[in-house]
């Protein structure tokens, strides 16, 4: 019998995947409740349930970012920035537009911006590019020396 080759274990990724999948399922449940027939659930129990799902979603994402900080310290800030700009853009859009069936639809699509921002970063590397550019600008000593000289000349 030949030895079986097992794929390498993803030790750090298992917790990360668990947190991301939990937050994604919470987001999908918010969407299902937002788009479901109103007779499906008692209207008084809907706000606390959507609030609980939102807390689960945000908590899991924050823990995932903390976990990323431990495994990939240079990437955690990039993912956090991508998630927050996605949330900010989608929440702003959801707040200023009209025609929503309910506020739960707004919440669902506003929270969806988190995943949109993460998808944008994963597919294009846009935030990584900006982080490297900013890091290069801040850490280049010749630029800092030039800025000091310009400041002294103005005085």
C-alpha atoms as a PDB file:
ATOM      1  CA  UNK A   1       0.000   0.000   0.000  1.00  0.00           C
ATOM      2  CA  UNK A   2       1.245   3.439  -0.855  1.00  0.00           C
ATOM      3  CA  UNK A   3       1.135   6.254   1.669  1.00  0.00           C
ATOM      4  CA  UNK A   4      -1.729   8.660   1.221  1.00  0.00           C
ATOM      5  CA  UNK A   5      -0.808  12.253   0.514  1.00  0.00           C
ATOM      6  CA  UNK A   6      -2.986  14.536   2.557  1.00  0.00           C
ATOM      7  CA  UNK A   7      -3.285  18.229   1.732  1.00  0.00           C
ATOM      8  CA  UNK A   8      -1.504  20.521   4.187  1.00  0.00           C
ATOM      9  CA  UNK A   9      -3.584  21.719   7.101  1.00  0.00           C
ATOM     10  CA  UNK A  10      -4.642  25.340   7.146  1.00  0.00           C
ATOM     11  CA  UNK A  11      -4.178  25.983  10.848  1.00  0.00           C
ATOM     12  CA  UNK A  12      -4.670  29.739  10.990  1.00  0.00           C
ATOM     13  CA  UNK A  13      -7.249  29.824   8.237  1.00  0.00           C
ATOM     14  CA  UNK A  14      -9.771  27.564   9.975  1.00  0.00           C
ATOM     15  CA  UNK A  15     -10.743  30.153  12.591  1.00  0.00           C
ATOM     16  CA  UNK A  16     -10.700  32.897   9.982  1.00  0.00           C
ATOM     17  CA  UNK A  17     -12.996  30.917   7.673  1.00  0.00           C
ATOM     18  CA  UNK A  18     -15.325  30.130  10.579  1.00  0.00           C
ATOM     19  CA  UNK A  19     -15.624  33.797  11.493  1.00  0.00           C
ATOM     20  CA  UNK A  20     -16.158  34.928   7.904  1.00  0.00           C
ATOM     21  CA  UNK A  21     -18.730  32.220   7.208  1.00  0.00           C
ATOM     22  CA  UNK A  22     -20.625  33.025  10.421  1.00  0.00           C
ATOM     23  CA  UNK A  23     -20.774  36.720   9.560  1.00  0.00           C
ATOM     24  CA  UNK A  24     -21.783  35.927   5.971  1.00  0.00           C
ATOM     25  CA  UNK A  25     -24.611  33.639   7.116  1.00  0.00           C
ATOM     26  CA  UNK A  26     -25.814  36.331   9.545  1.00  0.00           C
ATOM     27  CA  UNK A  27     -25.865  38.797   6.631  1.00  0.00           C
ATOM     28  CA  UNK A  28     -27.803  36.321   4.461  1.00  0.00           C
ATOM     29  CA  UNK A  29     -30.343  35.797   7.262  1.00  0.00           C
ATOM     30  CA  UNK A  30     -30.827  39.562   7.557  1.00  0.00           C
ATOM     31  CA  UNK A  31     -31.441  39.632   3.798  1.00  0.00           C
ATOM     32  CA  UNK A  32     -33.868  36.731   3.983  1.00  0.00           C
ATOM     33  CA  UNK A  33     -35.834  38.481   6.720  1.00  0.00           C
ATOM     34  CA  UNK A  34     -35.729  41.778   4.833  1.00  0.00           C
ATOM     35  CA  UNK A  35     -37.067  40.265   1.627  1.00  0.00           C
ATOM     36  CA  UNK A  36     -39.422  37.691   3.201  1.00  0.00           C
ATOM     37  CA  UNK A  37     -43.176  37.942   3.297  1.00  0.00           C
ATOM     38  CA  UNK A  38     -44.271  40.078   6.267  1.00  0.00           C
ATOM     39  CA  UNK A  39     -46.558  37.302   7.512  1.00  0.00           C
ATOM     40  CA  UNK A  40     -43.490  35.084   7.995  1.00  0.00           C
ATOM     41  CA  UNK A  41     -42.434  36.654  11.295  1.00  0.00           C
ATOM     42  CA  UNK A  42     -44.161  38.683  13.972  1.00  0.00           C
ATOM     43  CA  UNK A  43     -43.347  42.345  13.323  1.00  0.00           C
ATOM     44  CA  UNK A  44     -42.498  43.008  17.017  1.00  0.00           C
ATOM     45  CA  UNK A  45     -39.835  40.285  17.118  1.00  0.00           C
ATOM     46  CA  UNK A  46     -38.153  41.337  13.871  1.00  0.00           C
ATOM     47  CA  UNK A  47     -36.125  44.384  15.115  1.00  0.00           C
ATOM     48  CA  UNK A  48     -34.418  42.557  18.012  1.00  0.00           C
ATOM     49  CA  UNK A  49     -33.641  39.572  15.786  1.00  0.00           C
ATOM     50  CA  UNK A  50     -32.149  41.743  13.024  1.00  0.00           C
ATOM     51  CA  UNK A  51     -30.217  43.656  15.695  1.00  0.00           C
ATOM     52  CA  UNK A  52     -28.852  40.411  17.135  1.00  0.00           C
ATOM     53  CA  UNK A  53     -27.814  39.201  13.678  1.00  0.00           C
ATOM     54  CA  UNK A  54     -26.123  42.551  13.009  1.00  0.00           C
ATOM     55  CA  UNK A  55     -24.188  42.288  16.278  1.00  0.00           C
ATOM     56  CA  UNK A  56     -23.106  38.741  15.389  1.00  0.00           C
ATOM     57  CA  UNK A  57     -22.027  39.896  11.930  1.00  0.00           C
ATOM     58  CA  UNK A  58     -19.960  42.837  13.156  1.00  0.00           C
ATOM     59  CA  UNK A  59     -18.442  40.906  16.074  1.00  0.00           C
ATOM     60  CA  UNK A  60     -17.328  38.053  13.813  1.00  0.00           C
ATOM     61  CA  UNK A  61     -15.817  40.484  11.321  1.00  0.00           C
ATOM     62  CA  UNK A  62     -13.911  42.335  14.045  1.00  0.00           C
ATOM     63  CA  UNK A  63     -12.608  39.035  15.424  1.00  0.00           C
ATOM     64  CA  UNK A  64     -11.637  37.977  11.893  1.00  0.00           C
ATOM     65  CA  UNK A  65      -9.655  41.179  11.468  1.00  0.00           C
ATOM     66  CA  UNK A  66      -7.946  40.579  14.827  1.00  0.00           C
ATOM     67  CA  UNK A  67      -7.134  37.024  13.704  1.00  0.00           C
ATOM     68  CA  UNK A  68      -5.747  38.387  10.432  1.00  0.00           C
ATOM     69  CA  UNK A  69      -3.574  40.773  12.462  1.00  0.00           C
ATOM     70  CA  UNK A  70      -1.919  37.808  14.144  1.00  0.00           C
ATOM     71  CA  UNK A  71      -1.320  35.824  10.947  1.00  0.00           C
ATOM     72  CA  UNK A  72      -0.796  38.566   8.359  1.00  0.00           C
ATOM     73  CA  UNK A  73      -0.059  41.841  10.189  1.00  0.00           C
ATOM     74  CA  UNK A  74       0.513  43.904   7.038  1.00  0.00           C
ATOM     75  CA  UNK A  75      -2.801  42.837   5.483  1.00  0.00           C
ATOM     76  CA  UNK A  76      -5.216  43.397   8.377  1.00  0.00           C
ATOM     77  CA  UNK A  77      -5.271  47.175   7.986  1.00  0.00           C
ATOM     78  CA  UNK A  78      -5.864  46.821   4.266  1.00  0.00           C
ATOM     79  CA  UNK A  79      -8.840  44.494   4.796  1.00  0.00           C
ATOM     80  CA  UNK A  80     -10.262  46.701   7.537  1.00  0.00           C
ATOM     81  CA  UNK A  81      -9.985  49.771   5.298  1.00  0.00           C
ATOM     82  CA  UNK A  82     -11.632  47.921   2.415  1.00  0.00           C
ATOM     83  CA  UNK A  83     -14.497  46.719   4.617  1.00  0.00           C
ATOM     84  CA  UNK A  84     -15.093  50.149   6.166  1.00  0.00           C
ATOM     85  CA  UNK A  85     -15.000  52.080   2.882  1.00  0.00           C
ATOM     86  CA  UNK A  86     -17.377  49.520   1.385  1.00  0.00           C
ATOM     87  CA  UNK A  87     -19.696  49.906   4.371  1.00  0.00           C
ATOM     88  CA  UNK A  88     -19.465  53.696   4.234  1.00  0.00           C
ATOM     89  CA  UNK A  89     -20.245  53.863   0.519  1.00  0.00           C
ATOM     90  CA  UNK A  90     -23.152  51.429   0.657  1.00  0.00           C
ATOM     91  CA  UNK A  91     -24.613  52.850   3.881  1.00  0.00           C
ATOM     92  CA  UNK A  92     -24.478  56.371   2.450  1.00  0.00           C
ATOM     93  CA  UNK A  93     -26.234  55.187  -0.691  1.00  0.00           C
ATOM     94  CA  UNK A  94     -28.876  53.348   1.332  1.00  0.00           C
ATOM     95  CA  UNK A  95     -29.527  56.381   3.531  1.00  0.00           C
ATOM     96  CA  UNK A  96     -29.994  58.936   0.755  1.00  0.00           C
ATOM     97  CA  UNK A  97     -32.049  56.891  -1.713  1.00  0.00           C
ATOM     98  CA  UNK A  98     -35.774  56.298  -1.584  1.00  0.00           C
ATOM     99  CA  UNK A  99     -38.025  53.489  -2.714  1.00  0.00           C
ATOM    100  CA  UNK A 100     -36.953  50.847  -0.214  1.00  0.00           C
ATOM    101  CA  UNK A 101     -39.629  48.347   0.760  1.00  0.00           C
ATOM    102  CA  UNK A 102     -38.530  48.475   4.410  1.00  0.00           C
ATOM    103  CA  UNK A 103     -35.660  49.670   6.545  1.00  0.00           C
ATOM    104  CA  UNK A 104     -34.500  46.069   6.842  1.00  0.00           C
ATOM    105  CA  UNK A 105     -33.744  46.107   3.119  1.00  0.00           C
ATOM    106  CA  UNK A 106     -31.605  49.189   3.730  1.00  0.00           C
ATOM    107  CA  UNK A 107     -29.751  47.475   6.574  1.00  0.00           C
ATOM    108  CA  UNK A 108     -29.131  44.377   4.479  1.00  0.00           C
ATOM    109  CA  UNK A 109     -27.678  46.268   1.525  1.00  0.00           C
ATOM    110  CA  UNK A 110     -25.745  48.698   3.735  1.00  0.00           C
ATOM    111  CA  UNK A 111     -24.043  45.794   5.522  1.00  0.00           C
ATOM    112  CA  UNK A 112     -23.441  44.183   2.140  1.00  0.00           C
ATOM    113  CA  UNK A 113     -20.968  46.964   1.427  1.00  0.00           C
ATOM    114  CA  UNK A 114     -18.578  45.316   3.885  1.00  0.00           C
ATOM    115  CA  UNK A 115     -18.358  42.301   1.617  1.00  0.00           C
ATOM    116  CA  UNK A 116     -18.270  44.507  -1.471  1.00  0.00           C
ATOM    117  CA  UNK A 117     -15.203  46.295  -0.132  1.00  0.00           C
ATOM    118  CA  UNK A 118     -13.510  43.010   0.750  1.00  0.00           C
ATOM    119  CA  UNK A 119     -14.329  41.635  -2.694  1.00  0.00           C
ATOM    120  CA  UNK A 120     -12.901  44.754  -4.345  1.00  0.00           C
ATOM    121  CA  UNK A 121      -9.652  44.387  -2.401  1.00  0.00           C
ATOM    122  CA  UNK A 122      -9.388  40.664  -3.028  1.00  0.00           C
ATOM    123  CA  UNK A 123     -10.027  40.942  -6.757  1.00  0.00           C
ATOM    124  CA  UNK A 124      -8.062  44.101  -7.572  1.00  0.00           C
ATOM    125  CA  UNK A 125      -5.632  44.745  -4.712  1.00  0.00           C
ATOM    126  CA  UNK A 126      -6.597  48.427  -4.827  1.00  0.00           C
ATOM    127  CA  UNK A 127      -6.238  49.047  -1.093  1.00  0.00           C
ATOM    128  CA  UNK A 128      -2.936  47.146  -0.981  1.00  0.00           C
ATOM    129  CA  UNK A 129      -1.643  49.412  -3.745  1.00  0.00           C
ATOM    130  CA  UNK A 130      -2.655  52.541  -1.835  1.00  0.00           C
ATOM    131  CA  UNK A 131      -1.196  51.171   1.426  1.00  0.00           C
ATOM    132  CA  UNK A 132       2.147  50.468  -0.240  1.00  0.00           C
ATOM    133  CA  UNK A 133       2.138  53.870  -1.923  1.00  0.00           C
ATOM    134  CA  UNK A 134       1.385  55.609   1.368  1.00  0.00           C
ATOM    135  CA  UNK A 135       4.019  53.533   3.162  1.00  0.00           C
ATOM    136  CA  UNK A 136       6.597  54.452   0.517  1.00  0.00           C
ATOM    137  CA  UNK A 137       5.740  58.147   0.814  1.00  0.00           C
ATOM    138  CA  UNK A 138       5.990  58.129   4.591  1.00  0.00           C
ATOM    139  CA  UNK A 139       9.110  56.004   4.903  1.00  0.00           C
ATOM    140  CA  UNK A 140      11.291  57.646   2.241  1.00  0.00           C
ATOM    141  CA  UNK A 141      13.745  59.851   4.163  1.00  0.00           C
ATOM    142  CA  UNK A 142      14.689  61.968   1.143  1.00  0.00           C
ATOM    143  CA  UNK A 143      11.083  63.123   0.827  1.00  0.00           C
ATOM    144  CA  UNK A 144      10.991  64.069   4.502  1.00  0.00           C
ATOM    145  CA  UNK A 145      14.251  66.009   4.125  1.00  0.00           C
ATOM    146  CA  UNK A 146      12.843  67.885   1.126  1.00  0.00           C
ATOM    147  CA  UNK A 147       9.692  68.731   3.092  1.00  0.00           C
ATOM    148  CA  UNK A 148      11.796  70.107   5.955  1.00  0.00           C
ATOM    149  CA  UNK A 149      13.829  72.261   3.563  1.00  0.00           C
ATOM    150  CA  UNK A 150      10.696  73.640   1.917  1.00  0.00           C
ATOM    151  CA  UNK A 151       9.201  74.406   5.338  1.00  0.00           C
ATOM    152  CA  UNK A 152      12.367  76.212   6.455  1.00  0.00           C
ATOM    153  CA  UNK A 153      12.499  78.245   3.228  1.00  0.00           C
ATOM    154  CA  UNK A 154       8.929  79.440   3.762  1.00  0.00           C
ATOM    155  CA  UNK A 155       9.769  80.685   7.260  1.00  0.00           C
END
